[in-house]
Protein backbone atom coordinates (compact mmCIF):
# COMPACT_ATOMS: atom_id res chain seq x y z
CA UNK A 1 -51.46 74.17 101.05
CA UNK A 2 -52.03 73.85 97.51
CA UNK A 3 -52.63 77.56 97.23
CA UNK A 4 -49.46 78.31 98.81
CA UNK A 5 -47.44 75.99 96.50
CA UNK A 6 -49.21 77.59 93.58
CA UNK A 7 -48.41 81.11 94.75
CA UNK A 8 -44.64 79.94 95.20
CA UNK A 9 -44.59 78.54 91.74
CA UNK A 10 -45.92 81.58 90.16
CA UNK A 11 -43.41 83.60 91.74
CA UNK A 12 -40.59 81.53 90.75
CA UNK A 13 -41.88 81.75 87.20
CA UNK A 14 -42.05 85.55 87.23
CA UNK A 15 -38.47 85.74 88.55
CA UNK A 16 -37.25 83.45 85.72
CA UNK A 17 -39.10 85.68 83.11
CA UNK A 18 -37.35 88.75 84.56
CA UNK A 19 -34.03 87.09 84.63
CA UNK A 20 -34.47 85.99 80.90
CA UNK A 21 -35.45 89.56 79.96
CA UNK A 22 -32.42 91.10 81.64
CA UNK A 23 -30.01 88.54 79.96
CA UNK A 24 -31.63 89.40 76.60
CA UNK A 25 -31.09 93.10 77.08
CA UNK A 26 -27.54 92.66 78.31
CA UNK A 27 -27.02 90.41 75.28
CA UNK A 28 -28.42 92.92 72.91
CA UNK A 29 -26.41 95.65 74.51
CA UNK A 30 -23.29 93.92 74.05
CA UNK A 31 -24.03 92.90 70.50
CA UNK A 32 -24.70 96.63 69.72
CA UNK A 33 -21.58 97.59 71.51
CA UNK A 34 -19.40 95.38 69.47
CA UNK A 35 -21.14 96.48 66.33
CA UNK A 36 -20.66 100.07 66.83
CA UNK A 37 -17.04 99.42 67.89
CA UNK A 38 -16.41 97.43 64.68
CA UNK A 39 -17.84 100.02 62.57
CA UNK A 40 -15.83 102.90 64.04
CA UNK A 41 -12.85 100.78 63.67
CA UNK A 42 -13.62 100.01 60.12
CA UNK A 43 -14.20 103.87 59.66
CA UNK A 44 -10.67 104.65 61.29
CA UNK A 45 -8.85 102.20 58.87
CA UNK A 46 -10.59 103.54 55.97
CA UNK A 47 -9.50 107.08 57.03
CA UNK A 48 -6.10 105.96 57.84
CA UNK A 49 -5.76 104.18 54.36
CA UNK A 50 -7.21 107.34 52.47
CA UNK A 51 -4.57 109.31 54.41
CA UNK A 52 -1.77 107.09 53.46
CA UNK A 53 -2.87 106.99 49.61
CA UNK A 54 -3.01 110.75 49.82
CA UNK A 55 0.36 110.94 51.62
CA UNK A 56 1.81 108.61 48.98
CA UNK A 57 0.39 110.58 46.04
CA UNK A 58 1.68 113.65 47.30
CA UNK A 59 5.01 112.16 47.71
CA UNK A 60 4.92 110.70 44.19
CA UNK A 61 4.14 114.12 43.15
CA UNK A 62 7.18 115.75 44.79
CA UNK A 63 9.35 113.02 43.59
CA UNK A 64 8.28 113.14 39.96
CA UNK A 65 7.74 116.88 39.71
CA UNK A 66 5.10 118.46 37.65
CA UNK A 67 6.62 121.63 36.73
CA UNK A 68 8.01 122.48 33.22
CA UNK A 69 11.78 122.05 32.63
CA UNK A 70 14.02 124.78 33.76
CA UNK A 71 15.28 127.38 30.93
CA UNK A 72 18.98 127.53 31.05
CA UNK A 73 21.06 129.80 28.82
CA UNK A 74 24.74 129.26 28.10
CA UNK A 75 27.04 131.96 26.71
CA UNK A 76 30.38 130.99 25.17
CA UNK A 77 33.05 132.28 22.68
CA UNK A 78 32.58 131.06 18.87
CA UNK A 79 35.94 129.14 18.80
CA UNK A 80 36.34 125.90 17.08
CA UNK A 81 39.68 124.66 18.36
CA UNK A 82 41.83 124.52 21.36
CA UNK A 83 40.87 124.82 25.14
CA UNK A 84 37.97 127.36 24.57
CA UNK A 85 36.34 125.19 22.06
CA UNK A 86 36.19 122.55 24.63
CA UNK A 87 34.12 124.78 26.86
CA UNK A 88 31.11 124.89 24.52
CA UNK A 89 31.44 121.14 23.80
CA UNK A 90 31.39 119.99 27.47
CA UNK A 91 28.61 122.65 28.20
CA UNK A 92 26.43 121.23 25.52
CA UNK A 93 27.01 117.49 26.43
CA UNK A 94 25.96 118.19 30.02
CA UNK A 95 23.10 119.98 28.84
CA UNK A 96 21.88 117.36 26.44
CA UNK A 97 21.97 114.81 29.36
CA UNK A 98 19.89 116.97 31.63
CA UNK A 99 17.35 117.85 28.68
CA UNK A 100 17.06 113.92 28.04
CA UNK A 101 16.15 113.69 31.95
CA UNK A 102 13.48 116.29 31.59
CA UNK A 103 15.29 118.49 33.91
CA UNK A 104 15.90 121.71 31.45
CA UNK A 105 15.82 122.96 28.17
CA UNK A 106 18.66 125.15 27.05
CA UNK A 107 19.96 127.62 24.50
CA UNK A 108 23.47 127.84 23.58
CA UNK A 109 24.80 130.89 22.06
CA UNK A 110 28.39 131.64 20.92
CA UNK A 111 29.85 134.87 20.14
CA UNK A 112 32.97 136.51 18.62
CA UNK A 113 32.97 139.78 20.60
CA UNK A 114 31.79 141.63 23.66
CA UNK A 115 29.06 143.45 21.54
CA UNK A 116 27.69 139.98 20.18
CA UNK A 117 27.60 138.57 23.51
CA UNK A 118 25.76 141.65 24.86
CA UNK A 119 23.01 141.18 22.37
CA UNK A 120 22.88 137.36 23.27
CA UNK A 121 22.04 138.54 26.74
CA UNK A 122 18.92 140.30 25.63
CA UNK A 123 18.04 137.26 23.52
CA UNK A 124 18.18 135.10 26.40
CA UNK A 125 15.93 137.50 28.56
CA UNK A 126 13.42 137.40 25.67
CA UNK A 127 13.65 133.48 25.50
CA UNK A 128 12.76 133.46 29.20
CA UNK A 129 15.99 132.08 30.68
CA UNK A 130 15.86 131.21 34.26
CA UNK A 131 19.48 131.05 34.78
CA UNK A 132 22.59 131.85 32.52
CA UNK A 133 25.92 130.37 32.47
CA UNK A 134 28.27 132.61 31.04
CA UNK A 135 31.76 132.32 29.78
CA UNK A 136 32.93 135.76 28.69
CA UNK A 137 36.20 136.41 26.95
CA UNK A 138 36.11 140.04 26.51
CA UNK A 139 36.38 143.27 28.66
CA UNK A 140 33.21 145.29 29.29
CA UNK A 141 30.88 142.38 30.13
CA UNK A 142 30.42 143.52 33.78
CA UNK A 143 27.27 145.71 33.12
CA UNK A 144 25.49 143.28 30.75
CA UNK A 145 25.93 140.45 33.31
CA UNK A 146 24.86 142.68 35.98
CA UNK A 147 21.64 143.48 34.19
CA UNK A 148 20.65 139.72 34.03
CA UNK A 149 21.33 139.55 37.85
CA UNK A 150 19.29 142.82 38.54
CA UNK A 151 16.27 141.30 36.74
CA UNK A 152 16.41 138.24 38.95
CA UNK A 153 18.13 135.95 36.40
CA UNK A 154 21.08 134.09 38.30
CA UNK A 155 24.33 134.14 36.55
CA UNK A 156 27.07 131.58 37.08
CA UNK A 157 30.25 132.84 35.69
CA UNK A 158 32.76 130.43 34.43
CA UNK A 159 36.54 130.75 34.74
CA UNK A 160 37.44 134.56 34.18
CA UNK A 161 36.34 136.58 37.36
CA UNK A 162 33.62 139.03 36.50
CA UNK A 163 33.01 142.06 38.80
CA UNK A 164 29.32 141.84 39.18
CA UNK A 165 27.21 141.95 42.39
CA UNK A 166 25.59 138.66 43.24
CA UNK A 167 27.28 136.55 40.55
CA UNK A 168 28.29 132.93 41.06
CA UNK A 169 31.59 131.75 40.02
CA UNK A 170 33.02 128.34 38.95
CA UNK A 171 36.65 127.98 37.77
CA UNK A 172 40.06 126.02 38.52
CA UNK A 173 42.41 126.79 40.97
CA UNK A 174 44.40 129.22 38.93
CA UNK A 175 46.59 130.24 41.93
CA UNK A 176 47.26 126.67 42.84
CA UNK A 177 48.19 126.12 39.23
CA UNK A 178 50.90 128.55 39.66
CA UNK A 179 52.06 127.32 42.98
CA UNK A 180 52.16 123.83 41.50
CA UNK A 181 54.43 124.79 38.77
CA UNK A 182 56.78 126.62 41.08
CA UNK A 183 57.08 123.47 43.21
CA UNK A 184 57.55 121.35 40.15
CA UNK A 185 60.42 123.46 38.76
CA UNK A 186 62.16 123.72 42.06
CA UNK A 187 61.93 120.09 42.35
CA UNK A 188 63.56 119.51 38.93
CA UNK A 189 66.38 122.27 38.91
CA UNK A 190 66.76 123.02 42.54
CA UNK A 191 66.60 126.43 44.32
CA UNK A 192 68.80 128.68 42.08
CA UNK A 193 68.76 129.10 38.39
CA UNK A 194 66.92 131.15 35.57
CA UNK A 195 63.37 130.74 34.95
CA UNK A 196 61.33 132.48 32.23
CA UNK A 197 57.75 133.27 33.34
CA UNK A 198 55.39 133.80 30.26
CA UNK A 199 52.42 135.72 31.30
CA UNK A 200 49.32 136.66 29.48
CA UNK A 201 47.94 140.07 30.31
CA UNK A 202 44.95 139.61 27.92
CA UNK A 203 43.59 136.83 29.87
CA UNK A 204 42.73 138.88 32.80
CA UNK A 205 42.36 137.20 36.37
CA UNK A 206 43.51 133.76 34.84
CA UNK A 207 47.19 135.04 34.33
CA UNK A 208 47.04 137.19 37.14
CA UNK A 209 46.30 134.47 39.67
CA UNK A 210 48.67 132.05 38.22
CA UNK A 211 51.31 134.54 38.20
CA UNK A 212 50.52 135.16 41.76
CA UNK A 213 50.71 131.78 42.93
CA UNK A 214 53.86 131.14 41.13
CA UNK A 215 55.62 134.35 42.46
CA UNK A 216 54.48 133.56 46.05
CA UNK A 217 55.57 130.13 46.06
CA UNK A 218 59.00 130.84 44.51
CA UNK A 219 59.71 133.51 47.22
CA UNK A 220 58.75 130.84 49.92
CA UNK A 221 60.79 127.92 48.64
CA UNK A 222 63.41 129.34 46.13
CA UNK A 223 63.97 133.12 47.17
CA UNK A 224 67.27 133.16 45.19
CA UNK A 225 65.77 131.90 41.88
CA UNK A 226 66.27 134.46 39.07
CA UNK A 227 62.73 134.93 37.33
CA UNK A 228 62.31 136.83 34.05
CA UNK A 229 58.96 137.76 32.76
CA UNK A 230 57.83 138.09 29.20
CA UNK A 231 54.42 138.55 27.77
CA UNK A 232 52.67 136.06 25.38
CA UNK A 233 49.39 134.62 24.35
CA UNK A 234 47.61 131.38 24.97
CA UNK A 235 48.39 130.15 21.31
CA UNK A 236 51.13 127.88 20.11
CA UNK A 237 52.01 130.48 17.51
CA UNK A 238 52.68 133.09 20.08
CA UNK A 239 54.60 130.72 22.02
CA UNK A 240 56.79 130.00 19.01
CA UNK A 241 57.38 133.38 17.98
CA UNK A 242 57.67 135.18 21.24
CA UNK A 243 59.74 132.62 22.82
CA UNK A 244 62.13 132.45 19.84
CA UNK A 245 62.74 136.14 20.84
CA UNK A 246 63.34 135.13 24.62
CA UNK A 247 66.02 132.51 23.62
CA UNK A 248 67.76 135.06 21.55
CA UNK A 249 67.99 137.47 24.23
CA UNK A 250 68.74 134.91 26.89
CA UNK A 251 71.89 132.60 26.61
CA UNK A 252 70.98 130.52 29.59
CA UNK A 253 67.38 129.37 30.81
CA UNK A 254 66.92 126.49 33.03
CA UNK A 255 63.23 126.44 33.25
CA UNK A 256 60.14 127.90 31.58
CA UNK A 257 56.89 128.84 33.42
CA UNK A 258 54.32 128.70 30.65
CA UNK A 259 50.77 129.08 31.93
CA UNK A 260 49.18 127.11 28.98
CA UNK A 261 49.57 123.91 27.06
CA UNK A 262 49.18 125.42 23.61
CA UNK A 263 51.80 128.06 24.44
CA UNK A 264 54.06 125.60 25.81
CA UNK A 265 53.78 123.53 22.40
CA UNK A 266 55.11 126.79 20.61
CA UNK A 267 57.72 126.99 23.35
CA UNK A 268 58.93 123.58 22.71
CA UNK A 269 59.14 123.93 18.93
CA UNK A 270 61.15 127.30 19.42
CA UNK A 271 63.54 125.35 21.63
CA UNK A 272 63.96 122.66 19.19
CA UNK A 273 64.43 124.89 16.18
CA UNK A 274 66.95 126.84 18.22
CA UNK A 275 68.99 123.71 19.18
CA UNK A 276 69.06 124.78 22.87
CA UNK A 277 69.77 122.10 25.23
CA UNK A 278 70.00 124.12 28.47
CA UNK A 279 66.32 124.29 29.31
CA UNK A 280 65.24 121.25 31.65
CA UNK A 281 61.59 122.00 32.50
CA UNK A 282 58.67 123.39 30.74
CA UNK A 283 55.30 123.60 32.27
CA UNK A 284 51.93 124.18 30.88
CA UNK A 285 48.29 124.42 31.93
CA UNK A 286 44.79 122.88 30.70
CA UNK A 287 45.14 119.31 29.98
CA UNK A 288 45.69 119.11 26.02
CA UNK A 289 45.88 115.51 24.64
CA UNK A 290 48.47 116.55 21.91
CA UNK A 291 50.59 118.11 24.65
CA UNK A 292 50.27 115.02 26.81
CA UNK A 293 51.49 112.90 24.05
CA UNK A 294 54.72 114.91 23.74
CA UNK A 295 55.67 114.25 27.22
CA UNK A 296 57.06 110.67 27.06
CA UNK A 297 58.67 111.66 23.66
CA UNK A 298 60.87 114.42 25.33
CA UNK A 299 63.26 112.51 27.76
CA UNK A 300 65.74 115.58 27.95
CA UNK A 301 63.05 118.17 28.95
CA UNK A 302 60.52 117.43 31.85
CA UNK A 303 57.17 118.53 30.14
CA UNK A 304 54.41 119.22 32.68
CA UNK A 305 50.81 120.32 32.67
CA UNK A 306 48.73 121.56 35.82
CA UNK A 307 45.24 120.39 34.80
CA UNK A 308 42.52 123.01 33.97
CA UNK A 309 40.08 121.06 32.27
CA UNK A 310 37.61 122.88 29.92
CA UNK A 311 35.02 120.04 31.10
CA UNK A 312 34.84 122.12 34.32
CA UNK A 313 31.98 124.04 32.78
CA UNK A 314 29.81 121.03 33.59
CA UNK A 315 30.05 121.99 37.29
CA UNK A 316 28.90 125.43 36.37
CA UNK A 317 25.89 123.88 34.46
CA UNK A 318 24.96 121.64 37.37
CA UNK A 319 25.31 124.72 40.00
CA UNK A 320 22.74 126.70 37.84
CA UNK A 321 20.49 123.73 37.96
CA UNK A 322 20.71 123.60 41.75
CA UNK A 323 20.12 127.31 42.06
CA UNK A 324 16.88 127.08 39.70
CA UNK A 325 15.71 124.19 41.97
CA UNK A 326 15.95 126.47 45.06
CA UNK A 327 18.94 124.78 46.56
CA UNK A 328 21.35 126.67 48.46
CA UNK A 329 24.91 126.87 46.82
CA UNK A 330 28.27 128.47 47.69
CA UNK A 331 28.93 131.62 45.85
CA UNK A 332 32.05 130.26 44.54
CA UNK A 333 33.55 126.86 43.62
CA UNK A 334 37.18 126.32 42.82
CA UNK A 335 38.25 123.11 41.30
CA UNK A 336 41.76 121.74 42.46
CA UNK A 337 44.44 121.32 39.84
CA UNK A 338 46.56 117.89 39.21
CA UNK A 339 49.99 117.96 37.87
CA UNK A 340 50.77 115.64 34.75
CA UNK A 341 54.05 114.73 33.28
CA UNK A 342 55.61 111.75 31.66
CA UNK A 343 55.41 109.64 34.96
CA UNK A 344 51.60 109.63 35.18
CA UNK A 345 50.42 110.73 31.65
CA UNK A 346 49.05 107.44 30.79
CA UNK A 347 46.38 107.98 33.23
CA UNK A 348 45.02 111.04 31.35
CA UNK A 349 45.09 110.11 27.72
CA UNK A 350 41.75 109.93 25.97
CA UNK A 351 41.51 109.66 22.39
CA UNK A 352 37.82 110.92 22.42
CA UNK A 353 38.55 114.15 24.09
CA UNK A 354 37.79 117.26 22.02
CA UNK A 355 40.81 119.26 23.57
């Protein structure tokens, strides 16, 4: 009996040892699995963090940019007064802002004739211009402008239309200016009367488009209006001299469609010197501060200006920058005009304006 009990106890002891061994192995296996999972999770987190850091660094590089500033050439006429002088002023002002921001460096060149501007185009090529904003005032600039485009240098042409393939264009709404002036005159004198139109053939597309807009609108809203056309220039001296002759040749004039503020200043002087009181409207174009100040002073004549500011050159500079940055832009940008007369001129007075 004792032998049987001893045998049973021995078997129970063996079973207990086996069970303990199994529990130990299971615990060891669980610990090993947990440790392995923890290590894998840690590695995944480290990999994810590294990926995020890399992504953030890449994003930062894209935002701040590591490229050198773009090189922009500016071509403008060498004029120190009037509307044209404002073009170079506003172009330089905008370029200075962009240069301070590290966006570009610029080279602004002014010229007195087509030959000089053509030479400057070659200078800009040598300088390494990546884009050019051009405001040519002379005939014969099509081929030099085209040569820039053919060499892969984008050209944004300001104001006057240049017949070059692939050129970009920024301008005010010349045709819209003519149309607005026609509406203004009809509003002030009615649908009949005599209007003198002073066009400026030497200004090319600028005068052509303003005349087109005026004639088409007059034909639409005042077909019986008598319109007489004379040629002049965009200067007050020409306005004075040419309109003095117009006054001598025409005993009755109800309104004057002048396309430029400076011309209009000369026209008003001629009217005053001749002592004429029949003229009720003189239009203009541009946005000249001196002309603005004359509006409230002349209660017998409605003095008007259709805005065409030289500050629009800033839009041309911005377009050139967008092109260099690889952005898609429209081939042409036309900026609408605004009519100014004595009723709203206070909103547009600016003592610091260069024009």
